[in-house]
Amino acid sequence: MAYTLKKFVLEKPTLAFRFLMDTFEISMGEAQKIVDKRRVFVEGEQLLKKSALIVGNIGVIVFEGESKGLRPIFETEDFAVFEKPSGVMMHPRKRSDGYTLNDEIKSLYGRDANAAHRIDKSTSGLVLVGKHKQAEIDLKRIFATRQVQKSYLALVHGRIDDVMMIDEKLKRDVETSQIRLKVHVDERGKASQTKITPLFYFDDKDATLVEATPYTGRQHQIRVHLFHVKHYIVGDPIYGIDEMDAERFLDGTMSAEEQLEITQSSRLLLHAQTLAFEYKGIPYKIESTFDAKTQFYNLMKGIK
């Protein structure tokens, strides 16, 4: 488990945020967040006020990374680059989520290390991590100002012969959608652009390996844009399938056998392939060694 309950006995009444600051060597803001997230218990009761005086048996839910041996493919003094496997979340949303990439990040570099950006749980590939708080801030800034060039590889349904520039606005929470998480092409949404370059067509599976270059960073951008042009990604459990099936996948009630049958793959065939950026005056271009052409071909279920 990534989240564990730490137990303490506090003999003198102490302000809750001061106890957290001193015990875990954190800032007042970080201490207040722990209380706000309902992770402090006094005599078994959840603490609601961060300014409260606490005493007696104290429990605090904390994140402790449990490594499975995943190591970065590249690192400097300030940052590291991991290859996240498909099916692994970036960080846990609740105690029951178990292993995430955060387990490796915190285990290797400590509690102040964090990812500078996110990729979907179903997507595999490169993730840039700041080893300390200032590196995280600096790296997030270059992402926010679009100074990072990213590319992805995907296996999509159908044949694509020419380069496509998809320029369609994207919006979440469209009224007609059964799924809150789902993103839609919608004129009320945010401007979004993705360049799609065909690399190889598999005639026997009627599928094309493409390079996708996003010029904006919207949630599910590549997946939604490819779905919009009727070349949705093989193995996508949300876009390109019936919404009732998508809900079952998100609820965890779809079996692995059903997922393979419905989506034609055991996983989403999308991989974050390259990251290019400048940091402290030094240009970096990091490329995954993942053999998407072979791996994605083998993962796609054959057409009967």
Protein backbone atom coordinates (compact mmCIF):
# COMPACT_ATOMS: atom_id res chain seq x y z
CA MET A 1 0.00 0.00 0.00
CA ALA A 2 1.25 3.47 -0.91
CA TYR A 3 -0.75 5.09 1.91
CA THR A 4 -0.09 3.97 5.49
CA LEU A 5 -1.42 5.07 8.88
CA LYS A 6 1.31 6.39 11.19
CA LYS A 7 0.43 6.39 14.91
CA PHE A 8 1.68 8.84 17.55
CA VAL A 9 0.97 9.63 21.20
CA LEU A 10 0.88 13.35 21.96
CA GLU A 11 1.08 14.12 25.69
CA LYS A 12 0.61 17.90 25.59
CA PRO A 13 -2.11 19.79 23.68
CA THR A 14 -0.56 21.11 20.46
CA LEU A 15 -1.89 22.94 17.43
CA ALA A 16 -2.59 20.36 14.72
CA PHE A 17 -0.68 22.12 11.96
CA ARG A 18 2.31 22.70 14.30
CA PHE A 19 2.39 19.00 15.22
CA LEU A 20 2.41 18.04 11.53
CA MET A 21 5.06 20.62 10.64
CA ASP A 22 7.42 19.46 13.40
CA THR A 23 6.79 15.73 12.98
CA PHE A 24 7.15 15.54 9.20
CA GLU A 25 9.39 18.60 8.66
CA ILE A 26 6.95 20.21 6.25
CA SER A 27 5.66 23.72 5.62
CA MET A 28 2.49 25.16 7.14
CA GLY A 29 0.78 24.95 3.74
CA GLU A 30 1.63 21.25 3.41
CA ALA A 31 0.41 20.60 6.95
CA GLN A 32 -2.88 22.34 6.27
CA LYS A 33 -3.37 20.27 3.11
CA ILE A 34 -3.03 17.05 5.12
CA VAL A 35 -5.84 18.16 7.43
CA ASP A 36 -7.95 19.41 4.51
CA LYS A 37 -7.65 15.98 2.91
CA ARG A 38 -9.01 14.40 6.13
CA ARG A 39 -5.82 12.44 6.81
CA VAL A 40 -5.47 13.23 10.52
CA PHE A 41 -7.29 11.34 13.28
CA VAL A 42 -7.52 12.14 16.99
CA GLU A 43 -8.62 9.23 19.19
CA GLY A 44 -9.96 7.59 16.06
CA GLU A 45 -12.04 10.60 15.00
CA GLN A 46 -11.26 12.49 11.78
CA LEU A 47 -9.83 15.95 12.44
CA LEU A 48 -11.71 18.72 10.63
CA LYS A 49 -10.02 21.90 11.91
CA LYS A 50 -6.35 22.52 11.15
CA SER A 51 -6.14 25.13 13.95
CA ALA A 52 -7.50 22.73 16.58
CA LEU A 53 -5.51 21.71 19.66
CA ILE A 54 -4.87 17.98 19.60
CA VAL A 55 -3.68 15.55 22.28
CA GLY A 56 -3.67 11.80 22.93
CA ASN A 57 -3.62 9.10 20.24
CA ILE A 58 -2.96 10.66 16.85
CA GLY A 59 -3.10 8.93 13.48
CA VAL A 60 -1.82 10.43 10.24
CA ILE A 61 -2.24 8.87 6.80
CA VAL A 62 0.97 9.38 4.84
CA PHE A 63 2.26 8.33 1.44
CA GLU A 64 5.23 5.96 1.52
CA GLY A 65 6.61 4.73 -1.76
CA GLU A 66 7.05 1.00 -2.34
CA SER A 67 9.45 0.39 -5.20
CA LYS A 68 9.02 -2.40 -7.74
CA GLY A 69 12.44 -1.71 -9.20
CA LEU A 70 11.49 0.66 -12.03
CA ARG A 71 14.44 2.94 -12.76
CA PRO A 72 14.74 6.12 -14.85
CA ILE A 73 16.12 5.82 -18.37
CA PHE A 74 17.84 9.20 -18.05
CA GLU A 75 18.67 11.55 -15.20
CA THR A 76 20.61 14.63 -14.18
CA GLU A 77 21.19 16.25 -10.79
CA ASP A 78 17.79 17.99 -11.06
CA PHE A 79 15.49 15.70 -13.03
CA ALA A 80 14.85 12.16 -14.18
CA VAL A 81 12.88 10.55 -17.01
CA PHE A 82 10.89 7.37 -16.41
CA GLU A 83 9.16 5.03 -18.85
CA LYS A 84 5.76 4.51 -17.24
CA PRO A 85 4.12 1.17 -18.03
CA SER A 86 0.57 1.10 -19.35
CA GLY A 87 -1.95 0.48 -16.58
CA VAL A 88 0.05 2.31 -13.91
CA MET A 89 -1.38 5.53 -12.50
CA MET A 90 0.80 8.60 -12.01
CA HIS A 91 -0.20 8.96 -8.35
CA PRO A 92 -2.90 7.48 -6.10
CA ARG A 93 -6.27 9.18 -5.75
CA LYS A 94 -7.33 7.01 -2.81
CA ARG A 95 -5.76 4.56 -0.40
CA SER A 96 -6.93 1.51 -2.34
CA ASP A 97 -5.20 2.52 -5.59
CA GLY A 98 -1.99 0.69 -4.67
CA TYR A 99 1.18 0.97 -6.74
CA THR A 100 1.70 4.10 -8.85
CA LEU A 101 4.63 5.84 -10.50
CA ASN A 102 4.81 8.01 -7.38
CA ASP A 103 6.02 4.95 -5.46
CA GLU A 104 9.18 4.87 -7.55
CA ILE A 105 9.63 8.65 -7.56
CA LYS A 106 9.34 9.02 -3.77
CA SER A 107 11.37 5.87 -3.07
CA LEU A 108 14.30 7.12 -5.15
CA TYR A 109 14.26 10.87 -4.55
CA GLY A 110 12.20 11.59 -1.44
CA ARG A 111 8.92 13.34 -0.67
CA ASP A 112 9.77 16.60 -2.51
CA ALA A 113 10.22 14.85 -5.88
CA ASN A 114 7.26 15.02 -8.26
CA ALA A 115 6.32 14.49 -11.90
CA ALA A 116 6.32 17.70 -13.94
CA HIS A 117 3.39 16.55 -16.13
CA ARG A 118 0.98 13.65 -16.52
CA ILE A 119 0.10 10.96 -19.00
CA ASP A 120 -3.02 8.79 -18.83
CA LYS A 121 -3.03 5.58 -16.81
CA SER A 122 -3.61 3.59 -20.02
CA THR A 123 -0.77 5.34 -21.89
CA SER A 124 2.81 4.13 -21.56
CA GLY A 125 5.98 6.13 -22.08
CA LEU A 126 8.16 9.01 -20.99
CA VAL A 127 7.46 11.03 -17.84
CA LEU A 128 9.68 13.92 -16.71
CA VAL A 129 10.25 14.16 -12.95
CA GLY A 130 11.71 16.98 -10.85
CA LYS A 131 13.95 15.54 -8.14
CA HIS A 132 13.33 18.48 -5.81
CA LYS A 133 10.74 21.23 -5.39
CA GLN A 134 12.57 23.94 -7.37
CA ALA A 135 13.21 21.57 -10.28
CA GLU A 136 9.52 20.63 -10.28
CA ILE A 137 8.53 24.32 -10.39
CA ASP A 138 10.97 25.09 -13.22
CA LEU A 139 9.95 22.07 -15.29
CA LYS A 140 6.23 22.71 -14.83
CA ARG A 141 6.82 26.26 -16.02
CA ILE A 142 8.35 25.14 -19.31
CA PHE A 143 5.43 22.77 -19.83
CA ALA A 144 2.94 25.55 -19.07
CA THR A 145 4.64 27.88 -21.55
CA ARG A 146 4.72 25.18 -24.25
CA GLN A 147 8.51 24.96 -24.34
CA VAL A 148 8.42 21.14 -24.33
CA GLN A 149 8.01 19.27 -27.61
CA LYS A 150 6.38 15.86 -27.23
CA SER A 151 5.59 13.07 -29.63
CA TYR A 152 3.63 9.86 -29.25
CA LEU A 153 3.32 6.64 -31.22
CA ALA A 154 -0.09 5.04 -31.67
CA LEU A 155 -1.64 2.18 -33.60
CA VAL A 156 -4.96 3.32 -35.06
CA HIS A 157 -7.80 1.64 -36.92
CA GLY A 158 -7.87 2.06 -40.68
CA ARG A 159 -5.42 3.35 -43.25
CA ILE A 160 -3.88 6.82 -43.10
CA ASP A 161 -1.76 7.80 -46.09
CA ASP A 162 -1.17 11.52 -45.59
CA VAL A 163 -0.12 13.86 -42.80
CA MET A 164 -3.13 15.36 -40.99
CA MET A 165 -3.36 18.48 -38.86
CA ILE A 166 -6.35 18.12 -36.57
CA ASP A 167 -7.50 21.50 -35.26
CA GLU A 168 -10.62 20.93 -33.15
CA LYS A 169 -11.69 22.46 -29.85
CA LEU A 170 -12.08 20.05 -26.92
CA LYS A 171 -14.43 20.16 -23.95
CA ARG A 172 -15.13 17.98 -20.90
CA ASP A 173 -18.51 17.44 -19.24
CA VAL A 174 -20.60 17.74 -22.40
CA GLU A 175 -24.27 17.44 -21.42
CA THR A 176 -25.06 14.59 -23.80
CA SER A 177 -22.28 12.33 -22.52
CA GLN A 178 -22.97 9.58 -20.01
CA ILE A 179 -19.34 9.70 -18.86
CA ARG A 180 -18.09 12.74 -16.96
CA LEU A 181 -14.44 11.90 -17.68
CA LYS A 182 -14.96 11.81 -21.42
CA VAL A 183 -13.71 14.68 -23.61
CA HIS A 184 -15.55 15.76 -26.78
CA VAL A 185 -14.93 17.88 -29.86
CA ASP A 186 -17.07 20.92 -29.11
CA GLU A 187 -17.04 24.52 -30.33
CA ARG A 188 -17.40 25.67 -26.70
CA GLY A 189 -14.14 23.97 -25.78
CA LYS A 190 -10.48 24.94 -25.71
CA ALA A 191 -8.36 25.26 -28.86
CA SER A 192 -6.43 22.03 -29.52
CA GLN A 193 -4.10 20.97 -32.33
CA THR A 194 -2.53 17.60 -33.11
CA LYS A 195 -0.36 16.62 -36.08
CA ILE A 196 -0.72 13.00 -37.24
CA THR A 197 2.04 11.47 -39.39
CA PRO A 198 1.54 7.95 -40.80
CA LEU A 199 4.57 5.67 -40.37
CA PHE A 200 3.51 2.16 -41.40
CA TYR A 201 0.31 0.43 -42.54
CA PHE A 202 -0.40 -3.17 -41.48
CA ASP A 203 -2.55 -4.53 -44.28
CA ASP A 204 -3.43 -7.75 -42.44
CA LYS A 205 -4.86 -5.82 -39.49
CA ASP A 206 -6.09 -2.72 -41.33
CA ALA A 207 -4.22 -0.53 -38.86
CA THR A 208 -1.70 2.30 -39.18
CA LEU A 209 1.20 3.11 -36.89
CA VAL A 210 1.28 6.90 -36.56
CA GLU A 211 3.31 9.58 -34.86
CA ALA A 212 1.10 12.06 -32.99
CA THR A 213 2.52 15.48 -32.15
CA PRO A 214 0.31 17.53 -29.81
CA TYR A 215 0.75 21.30 -29.99
CA THR A 216 -1.53 21.80 -27.00
CA GLY A 217 -1.84 19.74 -23.84
CA ARG A 218 -5.52 18.95 -23.37
CA GLN A 219 -6.72 15.89 -21.50
CA HIS A 220 -7.13 12.86 -23.81
CA GLN A 221 -6.27 15.17 -26.75
CA ILE A 222 -4.66 12.62 -29.07
CA ARG A 223 -7.30 9.99 -28.29
CA VAL A 224 -10.22 12.33 -28.95
CA HIS A 225 -8.75 13.86 -32.10
CA LEU A 226 -8.05 10.45 -33.64
CA PHE A 227 -11.53 9.27 -32.71
CA HIS A 228 -12.97 12.41 -34.33
CA VAL A 229 -11.28 11.66 -37.68
CA LYS A 230 -12.55 8.03 -37.47
CA HIS A 231 -9.13 6.48 -36.78
CA TYR A 232 -9.49 5.77 -33.08
CA ILE A 233 -6.62 4.11 -31.23
CA VAL A 234 -6.60 0.32 -30.97
CA GLY A 235 -7.32 -0.77 -27.40
CA ASP A 236 -8.98 2.49 -26.36
CA PRO A 237 -11.49 1.55 -23.64
CA ILE A 238 -13.28 4.93 -23.71
CA TYR A 239 -13.27 6.33 -27.25
CA GLY A 240 -14.55 4.28 -30.16
CA ILE A 241 -16.65 1.86 -28.12
CA ASP A 242 -20.18 1.93 -26.71
CA GLU A 243 -20.50 4.29 -23.71
CA MET A 244 -22.06 1.55 -21.58
CA ASP A 245 -18.96 -0.59 -22.19
CA ALA A 246 -16.73 2.40 -21.44
CA GLU A 247 -18.55 2.89 -18.13
CA ARG A 248 -18.01 -0.76 -17.25
CA PHE A 249 -14.28 -0.37 -17.96
CA LEU A 250 -14.03 2.74 -15.77
CA ASP A 251 -16.02 1.05 -13.00
CA GLY A 252 -13.67 -1.94 -13.10
CA THR A 253 -16.44 -4.39 -13.98
CA MET A 254 -15.15 -5.26 -17.47
CA SER A 255 -13.04 -8.42 -17.52
CA ALA A 256 -9.68 -8.59 -19.29
CA GLU A 257 -11.18 -11.03 -21.80
CA GLU A 258 -14.03 -8.63 -22.57
CA GLN A 259 -11.64 -5.71 -22.95
CA LEU A 260 -9.58 -7.67 -25.48
CA GLU A 261 -12.70 -8.70 -27.41
CA ILE A 262 -14.29 -5.22 -27.45
CA THR A 263 -11.21 -3.02 -27.98
CA GLN A 264 -9.00 -5.53 -29.86
CA SER A 265 -6.12 -5.13 -27.41
CA SER A 266 -5.34 -5.77 -23.75
CA ARG A 267 -4.16 -2.14 -23.43
CA LEU A 268 -4.37 1.26 -25.10
CA LEU A 269 -1.80 1.26 -27.93
CA LEU A 270 -0.46 4.76 -27.26
CA HIS A 271 3.11 5.48 -26.13
CA ALA A 272 4.82 8.76 -25.16
CA GLN A 273 7.90 8.46 -27.38
CA THR A 274 9.97 11.68 -27.17
CA LEU A 275 10.51 14.73 -24.97
CA ALA A 276 12.55 17.72 -26.16
CA PHE A 277 13.18 20.81 -24.04
CA GLU A 278 15.81 23.22 -22.76
CA TYR A 279 16.70 23.28 -19.07
CA LYS A 280 19.25 25.68 -17.56
CA GLY A 281 20.48 26.54 -21.03
CA ILE A 282 21.09 22.91 -22.04
CA PRO A 283 18.94 21.34 -24.79
CA TYR A 284 17.70 17.79 -24.20
CA LYS A 285 15.97 15.34 -26.51
CA ILE A 286 15.06 12.07 -24.83
CA GLU A 287 13.68 9.19 -26.87
CA SER A 288 12.10 5.97 -25.74
CA THR A 289 13.66 2.71 -26.92
CA PHE A 290 10.24 1.02 -26.93
CA ASP A 291 9.66 -0.91 -30.18
CA ALA A 292 6.10 0.27 -30.80
CA LYS A 293 5.90 -1.14 -34.33
CA THR A 294 6.54 -4.71 -33.16
CA GLN A 295 4.90 -4.53 -29.74
CA PHE A 296 1.71 -2.82 -30.92
CA TYR A 297 1.33 -5.18 -33.87
CA ASN A 298 1.61 -8.18 -31.54
CA LEU A 299 -0.80 -6.68 -28.99
CA MET A 300 -3.55 -6.02 -31.53
CA LYS A 301 -5.97 -8.88 -31.81
CA GLY A 302 -6.12 -10.32 -35.31
CA ILE A 303 -9.09 -9.58 -37.54
CA LYS A 304 -11.30 -12.63 -38.13
